[in-house]
């Protein structure tokens, strides 16, 4: 049972197998959020130029294109994991 906005919402999974597949699907979905933000921000040149003039620049990656490519590959891999575990769960 999961608490959502004050209401109890049951997890729609019957058995351990479905629960594991659902858990992996959700973890892969939630791991996409920060990577999608990085992929988007890596191409925002005006924002990157502004941030390079602030102390945040100490933590920034200098080659934004490499970051963008890495994020794209991670997203492609993660989407496959997400889809495969949903199909395994539903195809049971």
N, C-alpha and C. Protein backbone atom coordinates (compact mmCIF):
# COMPACT_ATOMS: atom_id res chain seq x y z
N UNK A 1 0.86 -1.17 0.00
CA UNK A 1 0.00 0.00 0.00
C UNK A 1 0.90 1.23 0.00
N UNK A 2 0.55 2.20 -0.84
CA UNK A 2 1.32 3.44 -0.95
C UNK A 2 0.41 4.61 -0.60
N UNK A 3 0.92 5.55 0.16
CA UNK A 3 0.17 6.73 0.55
C UNK A 3 0.39 7.83 -0.50
N UNK A 4 -0.68 8.24 -1.21
CA UNK A 4 -0.59 9.28 -2.23
C UNK A 4 -1.60 10.37 -1.89
N UNK A 5 -1.12 11.56 -1.63
CA UNK A 5 -1.96 12.71 -1.29
C UNK A 5 -2.95 12.40 -0.17
N UNK A 6 -2.51 11.65 0.81
CA UNK A 6 -3.37 11.34 1.95
C UNK A 6 -4.26 10.13 1.76
N UNK A 7 -4.34 9.58 0.56
CA UNK A 7 -5.16 8.41 0.29
C UNK A 7 -4.27 7.19 0.09
N UNK A 8 -4.77 6.05 0.55
CA UNK A 8 -4.03 4.82 0.32
C UNK A 8 -4.30 4.31 -1.08
N UNK A 9 -3.22 3.97 -1.78
CA UNK A 9 -3.33 3.47 -3.16
C UNK A 9 -2.60 2.13 -3.21
N UNK A 10 -3.31 1.06 -3.48
CA UNK A 10 -2.65 -0.24 -3.49
C UNK A 10 -1.74 -0.41 -4.70
N UNK A 11 -0.67 -1.15 -4.52
CA UNK A 11 0.21 -1.50 -5.62
C UNK A 11 -0.47 -2.61 -6.41
N UNK A 12 -0.64 -2.41 -7.70
CA UNK A 12 -1.35 -3.38 -8.52
C UNK A 12 -0.34 -4.42 -9.03
N UNK A 13 0.02 -5.31 -8.15
CA UNK A 13 0.94 -6.39 -8.49
C UNK A 13 0.55 -7.61 -7.66
N UNK A 14 0.40 -8.71 -8.35
CA UNK A 14 0.01 -9.94 -7.66
C UNK A 14 1.19 -10.89 -7.67
N UNK A 15 1.77 -11.09 -6.53
CA UNK A 15 2.89 -12.00 -6.42
C UNK A 15 4.23 -11.29 -6.44
N UNK A 16 5.25 -12.02 -6.05
CA UNK A 16 6.60 -11.47 -5.96
C UNK A 16 7.16 -11.12 -7.32
N UNK A 17 6.91 -11.96 -8.32
CA UNK A 17 7.45 -11.74 -9.67
C UNK A 17 6.97 -10.40 -10.23
N UNK A 18 5.66 -10.15 -10.15
CA UNK A 18 5.12 -8.89 -10.66
C UNK A 18 5.62 -7.70 -9.85
N UNK A 19 5.76 -7.90 -8.55
CA UNK A 19 6.24 -6.82 -7.69
C UNK A 19 7.68 -6.44 -8.03
N UNK A 20 8.52 -7.43 -8.31
CA UNK A 20 9.92 -7.17 -8.69
C UNK A 20 9.97 -6.47 -10.04
N UNK A 21 9.20 -6.96 -11.01
CA UNK A 21 9.17 -6.32 -12.34
C UNK A 21 8.67 -4.88 -12.25
N UNK A 22 7.63 -4.66 -11.45
CA UNK A 22 7.10 -3.31 -11.26
C UNK A 22 8.12 -2.41 -10.59
N UNK A 23 8.83 -2.95 -9.58
CA UNK A 23 9.85 -2.16 -8.89
C UNK A 23 10.98 -1.75 -9.82
N UNK A 24 11.45 -2.68 -10.65
CA UNK A 24 12.53 -2.35 -11.59
C UNK A 24 12.03 -1.34 -12.63
N UNK A 25 10.80 -1.50 -13.09
CA UNK A 25 10.23 -0.55 -14.05
C UNK A 25 10.15 0.85 -13.46
N UNK A 26 9.71 0.93 -12.22
CA UNK A 26 9.60 2.26 -11.58
C UNK A 26 10.96 2.87 -11.30
N UNK A 27 11.90 2.04 -10.84
CA UNK A 27 13.25 2.58 -10.59
C UNK A 27 13.88 3.10 -11.88
N UNK A 28 13.70 2.36 -12.97
CA UNK A 28 14.27 2.82 -14.24
C UNK A 28 13.58 4.10 -14.71
N UNK A 29 12.28 4.22 -14.46
CA UNK A 29 11.57 5.44 -14.85
C UNK A 29 12.06 6.64 -14.03
N UNK A 30 12.20 6.45 -12.73
CA UNK A 30 12.62 7.57 -11.88
C UNK A 30 14.08 7.94 -12.11
N UNK A 31 14.91 6.99 -12.55
CA UNK A 31 16.31 7.32 -12.81
C UNK A 31 16.46 8.14 -14.09
N UNK A 32 15.42 8.19 -14.90
CA UNK A 32 15.47 8.98 -16.14
C UNK A 32 15.38 10.49 -15.89
N UNK A 33 14.70 10.90 -14.84
CA UNK A 33 14.45 12.33 -14.63
C UNK A 33 15.71 13.18 -14.57
N UNK A 34 16.68 12.88 -13.71
CA UNK A 34 17.87 13.76 -13.68
C UNK A 34 18.65 13.74 -14.99
N UNK A 35 18.69 12.59 -15.66
CA UNK A 35 19.44 12.49 -16.91
C UNK A 35 18.75 13.30 -18.01
N UNK A 36 17.42 13.29 -18.04
CA UNK A 36 16.70 14.10 -19.02
C UNK A 36 16.95 15.59 -18.80
N UNK A 37 17.01 16.00 -17.55
CA UNK A 37 17.29 17.41 -17.24
C UNK A 37 18.71 17.76 -17.71
N UNK A 38 19.67 16.88 -17.44
CA UNK A 38 21.05 17.14 -17.89
C UNK A 38 21.15 17.18 -19.41
N UNK A 39 20.44 16.29 -20.10
CA UNK A 39 20.47 16.29 -21.56
C UNK A 39 19.91 17.59 -22.11
N UNK A 40 18.83 18.06 -21.51
CA UNK A 40 18.23 19.32 -21.95
C UNK A 40 19.14 20.51 -21.64
N UNK A 41 19.64 20.57 -20.42
CA UNK A 41 20.47 21.70 -20.02
C UNK A 41 21.81 21.74 -20.75
N UNK A 42 22.28 20.58 -21.21
CA UNK A 42 23.57 20.56 -21.90
C UNK A 42 23.52 21.30 -23.23
N UNK A 43 22.33 21.59 -23.73
CA UNK A 43 22.19 22.33 -24.98
C UNK A 43 21.64 23.74 -24.79
N UNK A 44 21.48 24.17 -23.56
CA UNK A 44 21.01 25.54 -23.27
C UNK A 44 22.23 26.45 -23.16
N UNK A 45 22.70 26.96 -24.28
CA UNK A 45 23.96 27.70 -24.32
C UNK A 45 23.95 28.98 -23.48
N UNK A 46 22.85 29.73 -23.53
CA UNK A 46 22.81 30.98 -22.76
C UNK A 46 22.90 30.70 -21.26
N UNK A 47 22.20 29.67 -20.81
CA UNK A 47 22.25 29.31 -19.39
C UNK A 47 23.64 28.83 -19.01
N UNK A 48 24.26 28.02 -19.86
CA UNK A 48 25.60 27.52 -19.58
C UNK A 48 26.62 28.66 -19.54
N UNK A 49 26.49 29.61 -20.46
CA UNK A 49 27.41 30.76 -20.46
C UNK A 49 27.26 31.58 -19.19
N UNK A 50 26.03 31.76 -18.73
CA UNK A 50 25.81 32.49 -17.48
C UNK A 50 26.41 31.73 -16.29
N UNK A 51 26.15 30.42 -16.23
CA UNK A 51 26.64 29.62 -15.10
C UNK A 51 28.16 29.53 -15.05
N UNK A 52 28.83 29.67 -16.22
CA UNK A 52 30.29 29.64 -16.24
C UNK A 52 30.91 30.85 -15.55
N UNK A 53 30.12 31.89 -15.34
CA UNK A 53 30.62 33.10 -14.68
C UNK A 53 30.31 33.10 -13.19
N UNK A 54 29.77 32.01 -12.69
CA UNK A 54 29.41 31.89 -11.28
C UNK A 54 30.28 30.82 -10.62
N UNK A 55 30.26 30.74 -9.30
CA UNK A 55 31.03 29.69 -8.62
C UNK A 55 30.56 28.26 -8.98
N UNK A 56 29.37 28.13 -9.53
CA UNK A 56 28.87 26.81 -9.94
C UNK A 56 29.76 26.21 -11.02
N UNK A 57 30.50 27.06 -11.72
CA UNK A 57 31.33 26.57 -12.83
C UNK A 57 32.41 25.58 -12.35
N UNK A 58 32.74 25.60 -11.06
CA UNK A 58 33.72 24.64 -10.54
C UNK A 58 33.21 23.20 -10.66
N UNK A 59 31.89 23.02 -10.70
CA UNK A 59 31.30 21.69 -10.75
C UNK A 59 30.77 21.31 -12.12
N UNK A 60 30.94 22.20 -13.09
CA UNK A 60 30.38 21.95 -14.43
C UNK A 60 31.35 21.17 -15.30
N UNK A 61 30.79 20.38 -16.20
CA UNK A 61 31.58 19.64 -17.18
C UNK A 61 31.85 20.58 -18.35
N UNK A 62 33.09 20.61 -18.81
CA UNK A 62 33.46 21.57 -19.86
C UNK A 62 32.99 21.13 -21.25
N UNK A 63 32.88 19.84 -21.50
CA UNK A 63 32.46 19.37 -22.81
C UNK A 63 30.99 18.94 -22.74
N UNK A 64 30.10 19.89 -23.02
CA UNK A 64 28.68 19.62 -22.92
C UNK A 64 28.19 18.60 -23.95
N UNK A 65 28.85 18.54 -25.10
CA UNK A 65 28.41 17.59 -26.12
C UNK A 65 28.63 16.14 -25.66
N UNK A 66 29.76 15.88 -25.01
CA UNK A 66 30.00 14.53 -24.47
C UNK A 66 28.95 14.18 -23.43
N UNK A 67 28.59 15.14 -22.59
CA UNK A 67 27.55 14.92 -21.59
C UNK A 67 26.22 14.61 -22.28
N UNK A 68 25.90 15.35 -23.33
CA UNK A 68 24.66 15.15 -24.06
C UNK A 68 24.62 13.75 -24.69
N UNK A 69 25.72 13.33 -25.29
CA UNK A 69 25.80 12.00 -25.90
C UNK A 69 25.65 10.91 -24.84
N UNK A 70 26.35 11.08 -23.71
CA UNK A 70 26.25 10.11 -22.62
C UNK A 70 24.80 10.01 -22.13
N UNK A 71 24.17 11.16 -21.94
CA UNK A 71 22.78 11.16 -21.47
C UNK A 71 21.86 10.47 -22.47
N UNK A 72 22.07 10.71 -23.75
CA UNK A 72 21.26 10.05 -24.77
C UNK A 72 21.40 8.55 -24.75
N UNK A 73 22.62 8.07 -24.58
CA UNK A 73 22.84 6.62 -24.50
C UNK A 73 22.23 6.02 -23.24
N UNK A 74 22.36 6.74 -22.12
CA UNK A 74 21.76 6.26 -20.88
C UNK A 74 20.24 6.18 -21.01
N UNK A 75 19.64 7.21 -21.61
CA UNK A 75 18.19 7.23 -21.80
C UNK A 75 17.75 6.07 -22.68
N UNK A 76 18.48 5.83 -23.77
CA UNK A 76 18.12 4.72 -24.67
C UNK A 76 18.19 3.38 -23.94
N UNK A 77 19.24 3.16 -23.16
CA UNK A 77 19.39 1.90 -22.41
C UNK A 77 18.29 1.77 -21.36
N UNK A 78 18.04 2.85 -20.62
CA UNK A 78 17.08 2.82 -19.53
C UNK A 78 15.65 2.62 -20.04
N UNK A 79 15.34 3.19 -21.18
CA UNK A 79 14.00 3.02 -21.76
C UNK A 79 13.78 1.55 -22.12
N UNK A 80 14.82 0.90 -22.63
CA UNK A 80 14.71 -0.53 -22.95
C UNK A 80 14.47 -1.34 -21.70
N UNK A 81 15.21 -1.07 -20.63
CA UNK A 81 15.01 -1.78 -19.37
C UNK A 81 13.58 -1.58 -18.87
N UNK A 82 13.12 -0.35 -18.90
CA UNK A 82 11.77 -0.01 -18.45
C UNK A 82 10.73 -0.79 -19.25
N UNK A 83 10.87 -0.78 -20.56
CA UNK A 83 9.89 -1.45 -21.43
C UNK A 83 9.93 -2.96 -21.25
N UNK A 84 11.12 -3.52 -21.20
CA UNK A 84 11.25 -4.99 -21.07
C UNK A 84 10.60 -5.47 -19.77
N UNK A 85 10.82 -4.78 -18.67
CA UNK A 85 10.25 -5.25 -17.41
C UNK A 85 8.75 -5.02 -17.34
N UNK A 86 8.22 -4.01 -18.02
CA UNK A 86 6.77 -3.89 -18.11
C UNK A 86 6.19 -5.03 -18.94
N UNK A 87 6.83 -5.35 -20.05
CA UNK A 87 6.34 -6.44 -20.89
C UNK A 87 6.43 -7.78 -20.17
N UNK A 88 7.51 -8.00 -19.42
CA UNK A 88 7.63 -9.24 -18.64
C UNK A 88 6.51 -9.33 -17.60
N UNK A 89 6.21 -8.23 -16.99
CA UNK A 89 5.16 -8.21 -15.97
C UNK A 89 3.78 -8.47 -16.59
N UNK A 90 3.51 -7.79 -17.70
CA UNK A 90 2.19 -7.94 -18.33
C UNK A 90 2.04 -9.25 -19.09
N UNK A 91 3.16 -9.79 -19.58
CA UNK A 91 3.11 -11.00 -20.40
C UNK A 91 3.06 -12.28 -19.60
N UNK A 92 3.09 -12.16 -18.30
CA UNK A 92 3.12 -13.35 -17.44
C UNK A 92 1.90 -14.21 -17.61
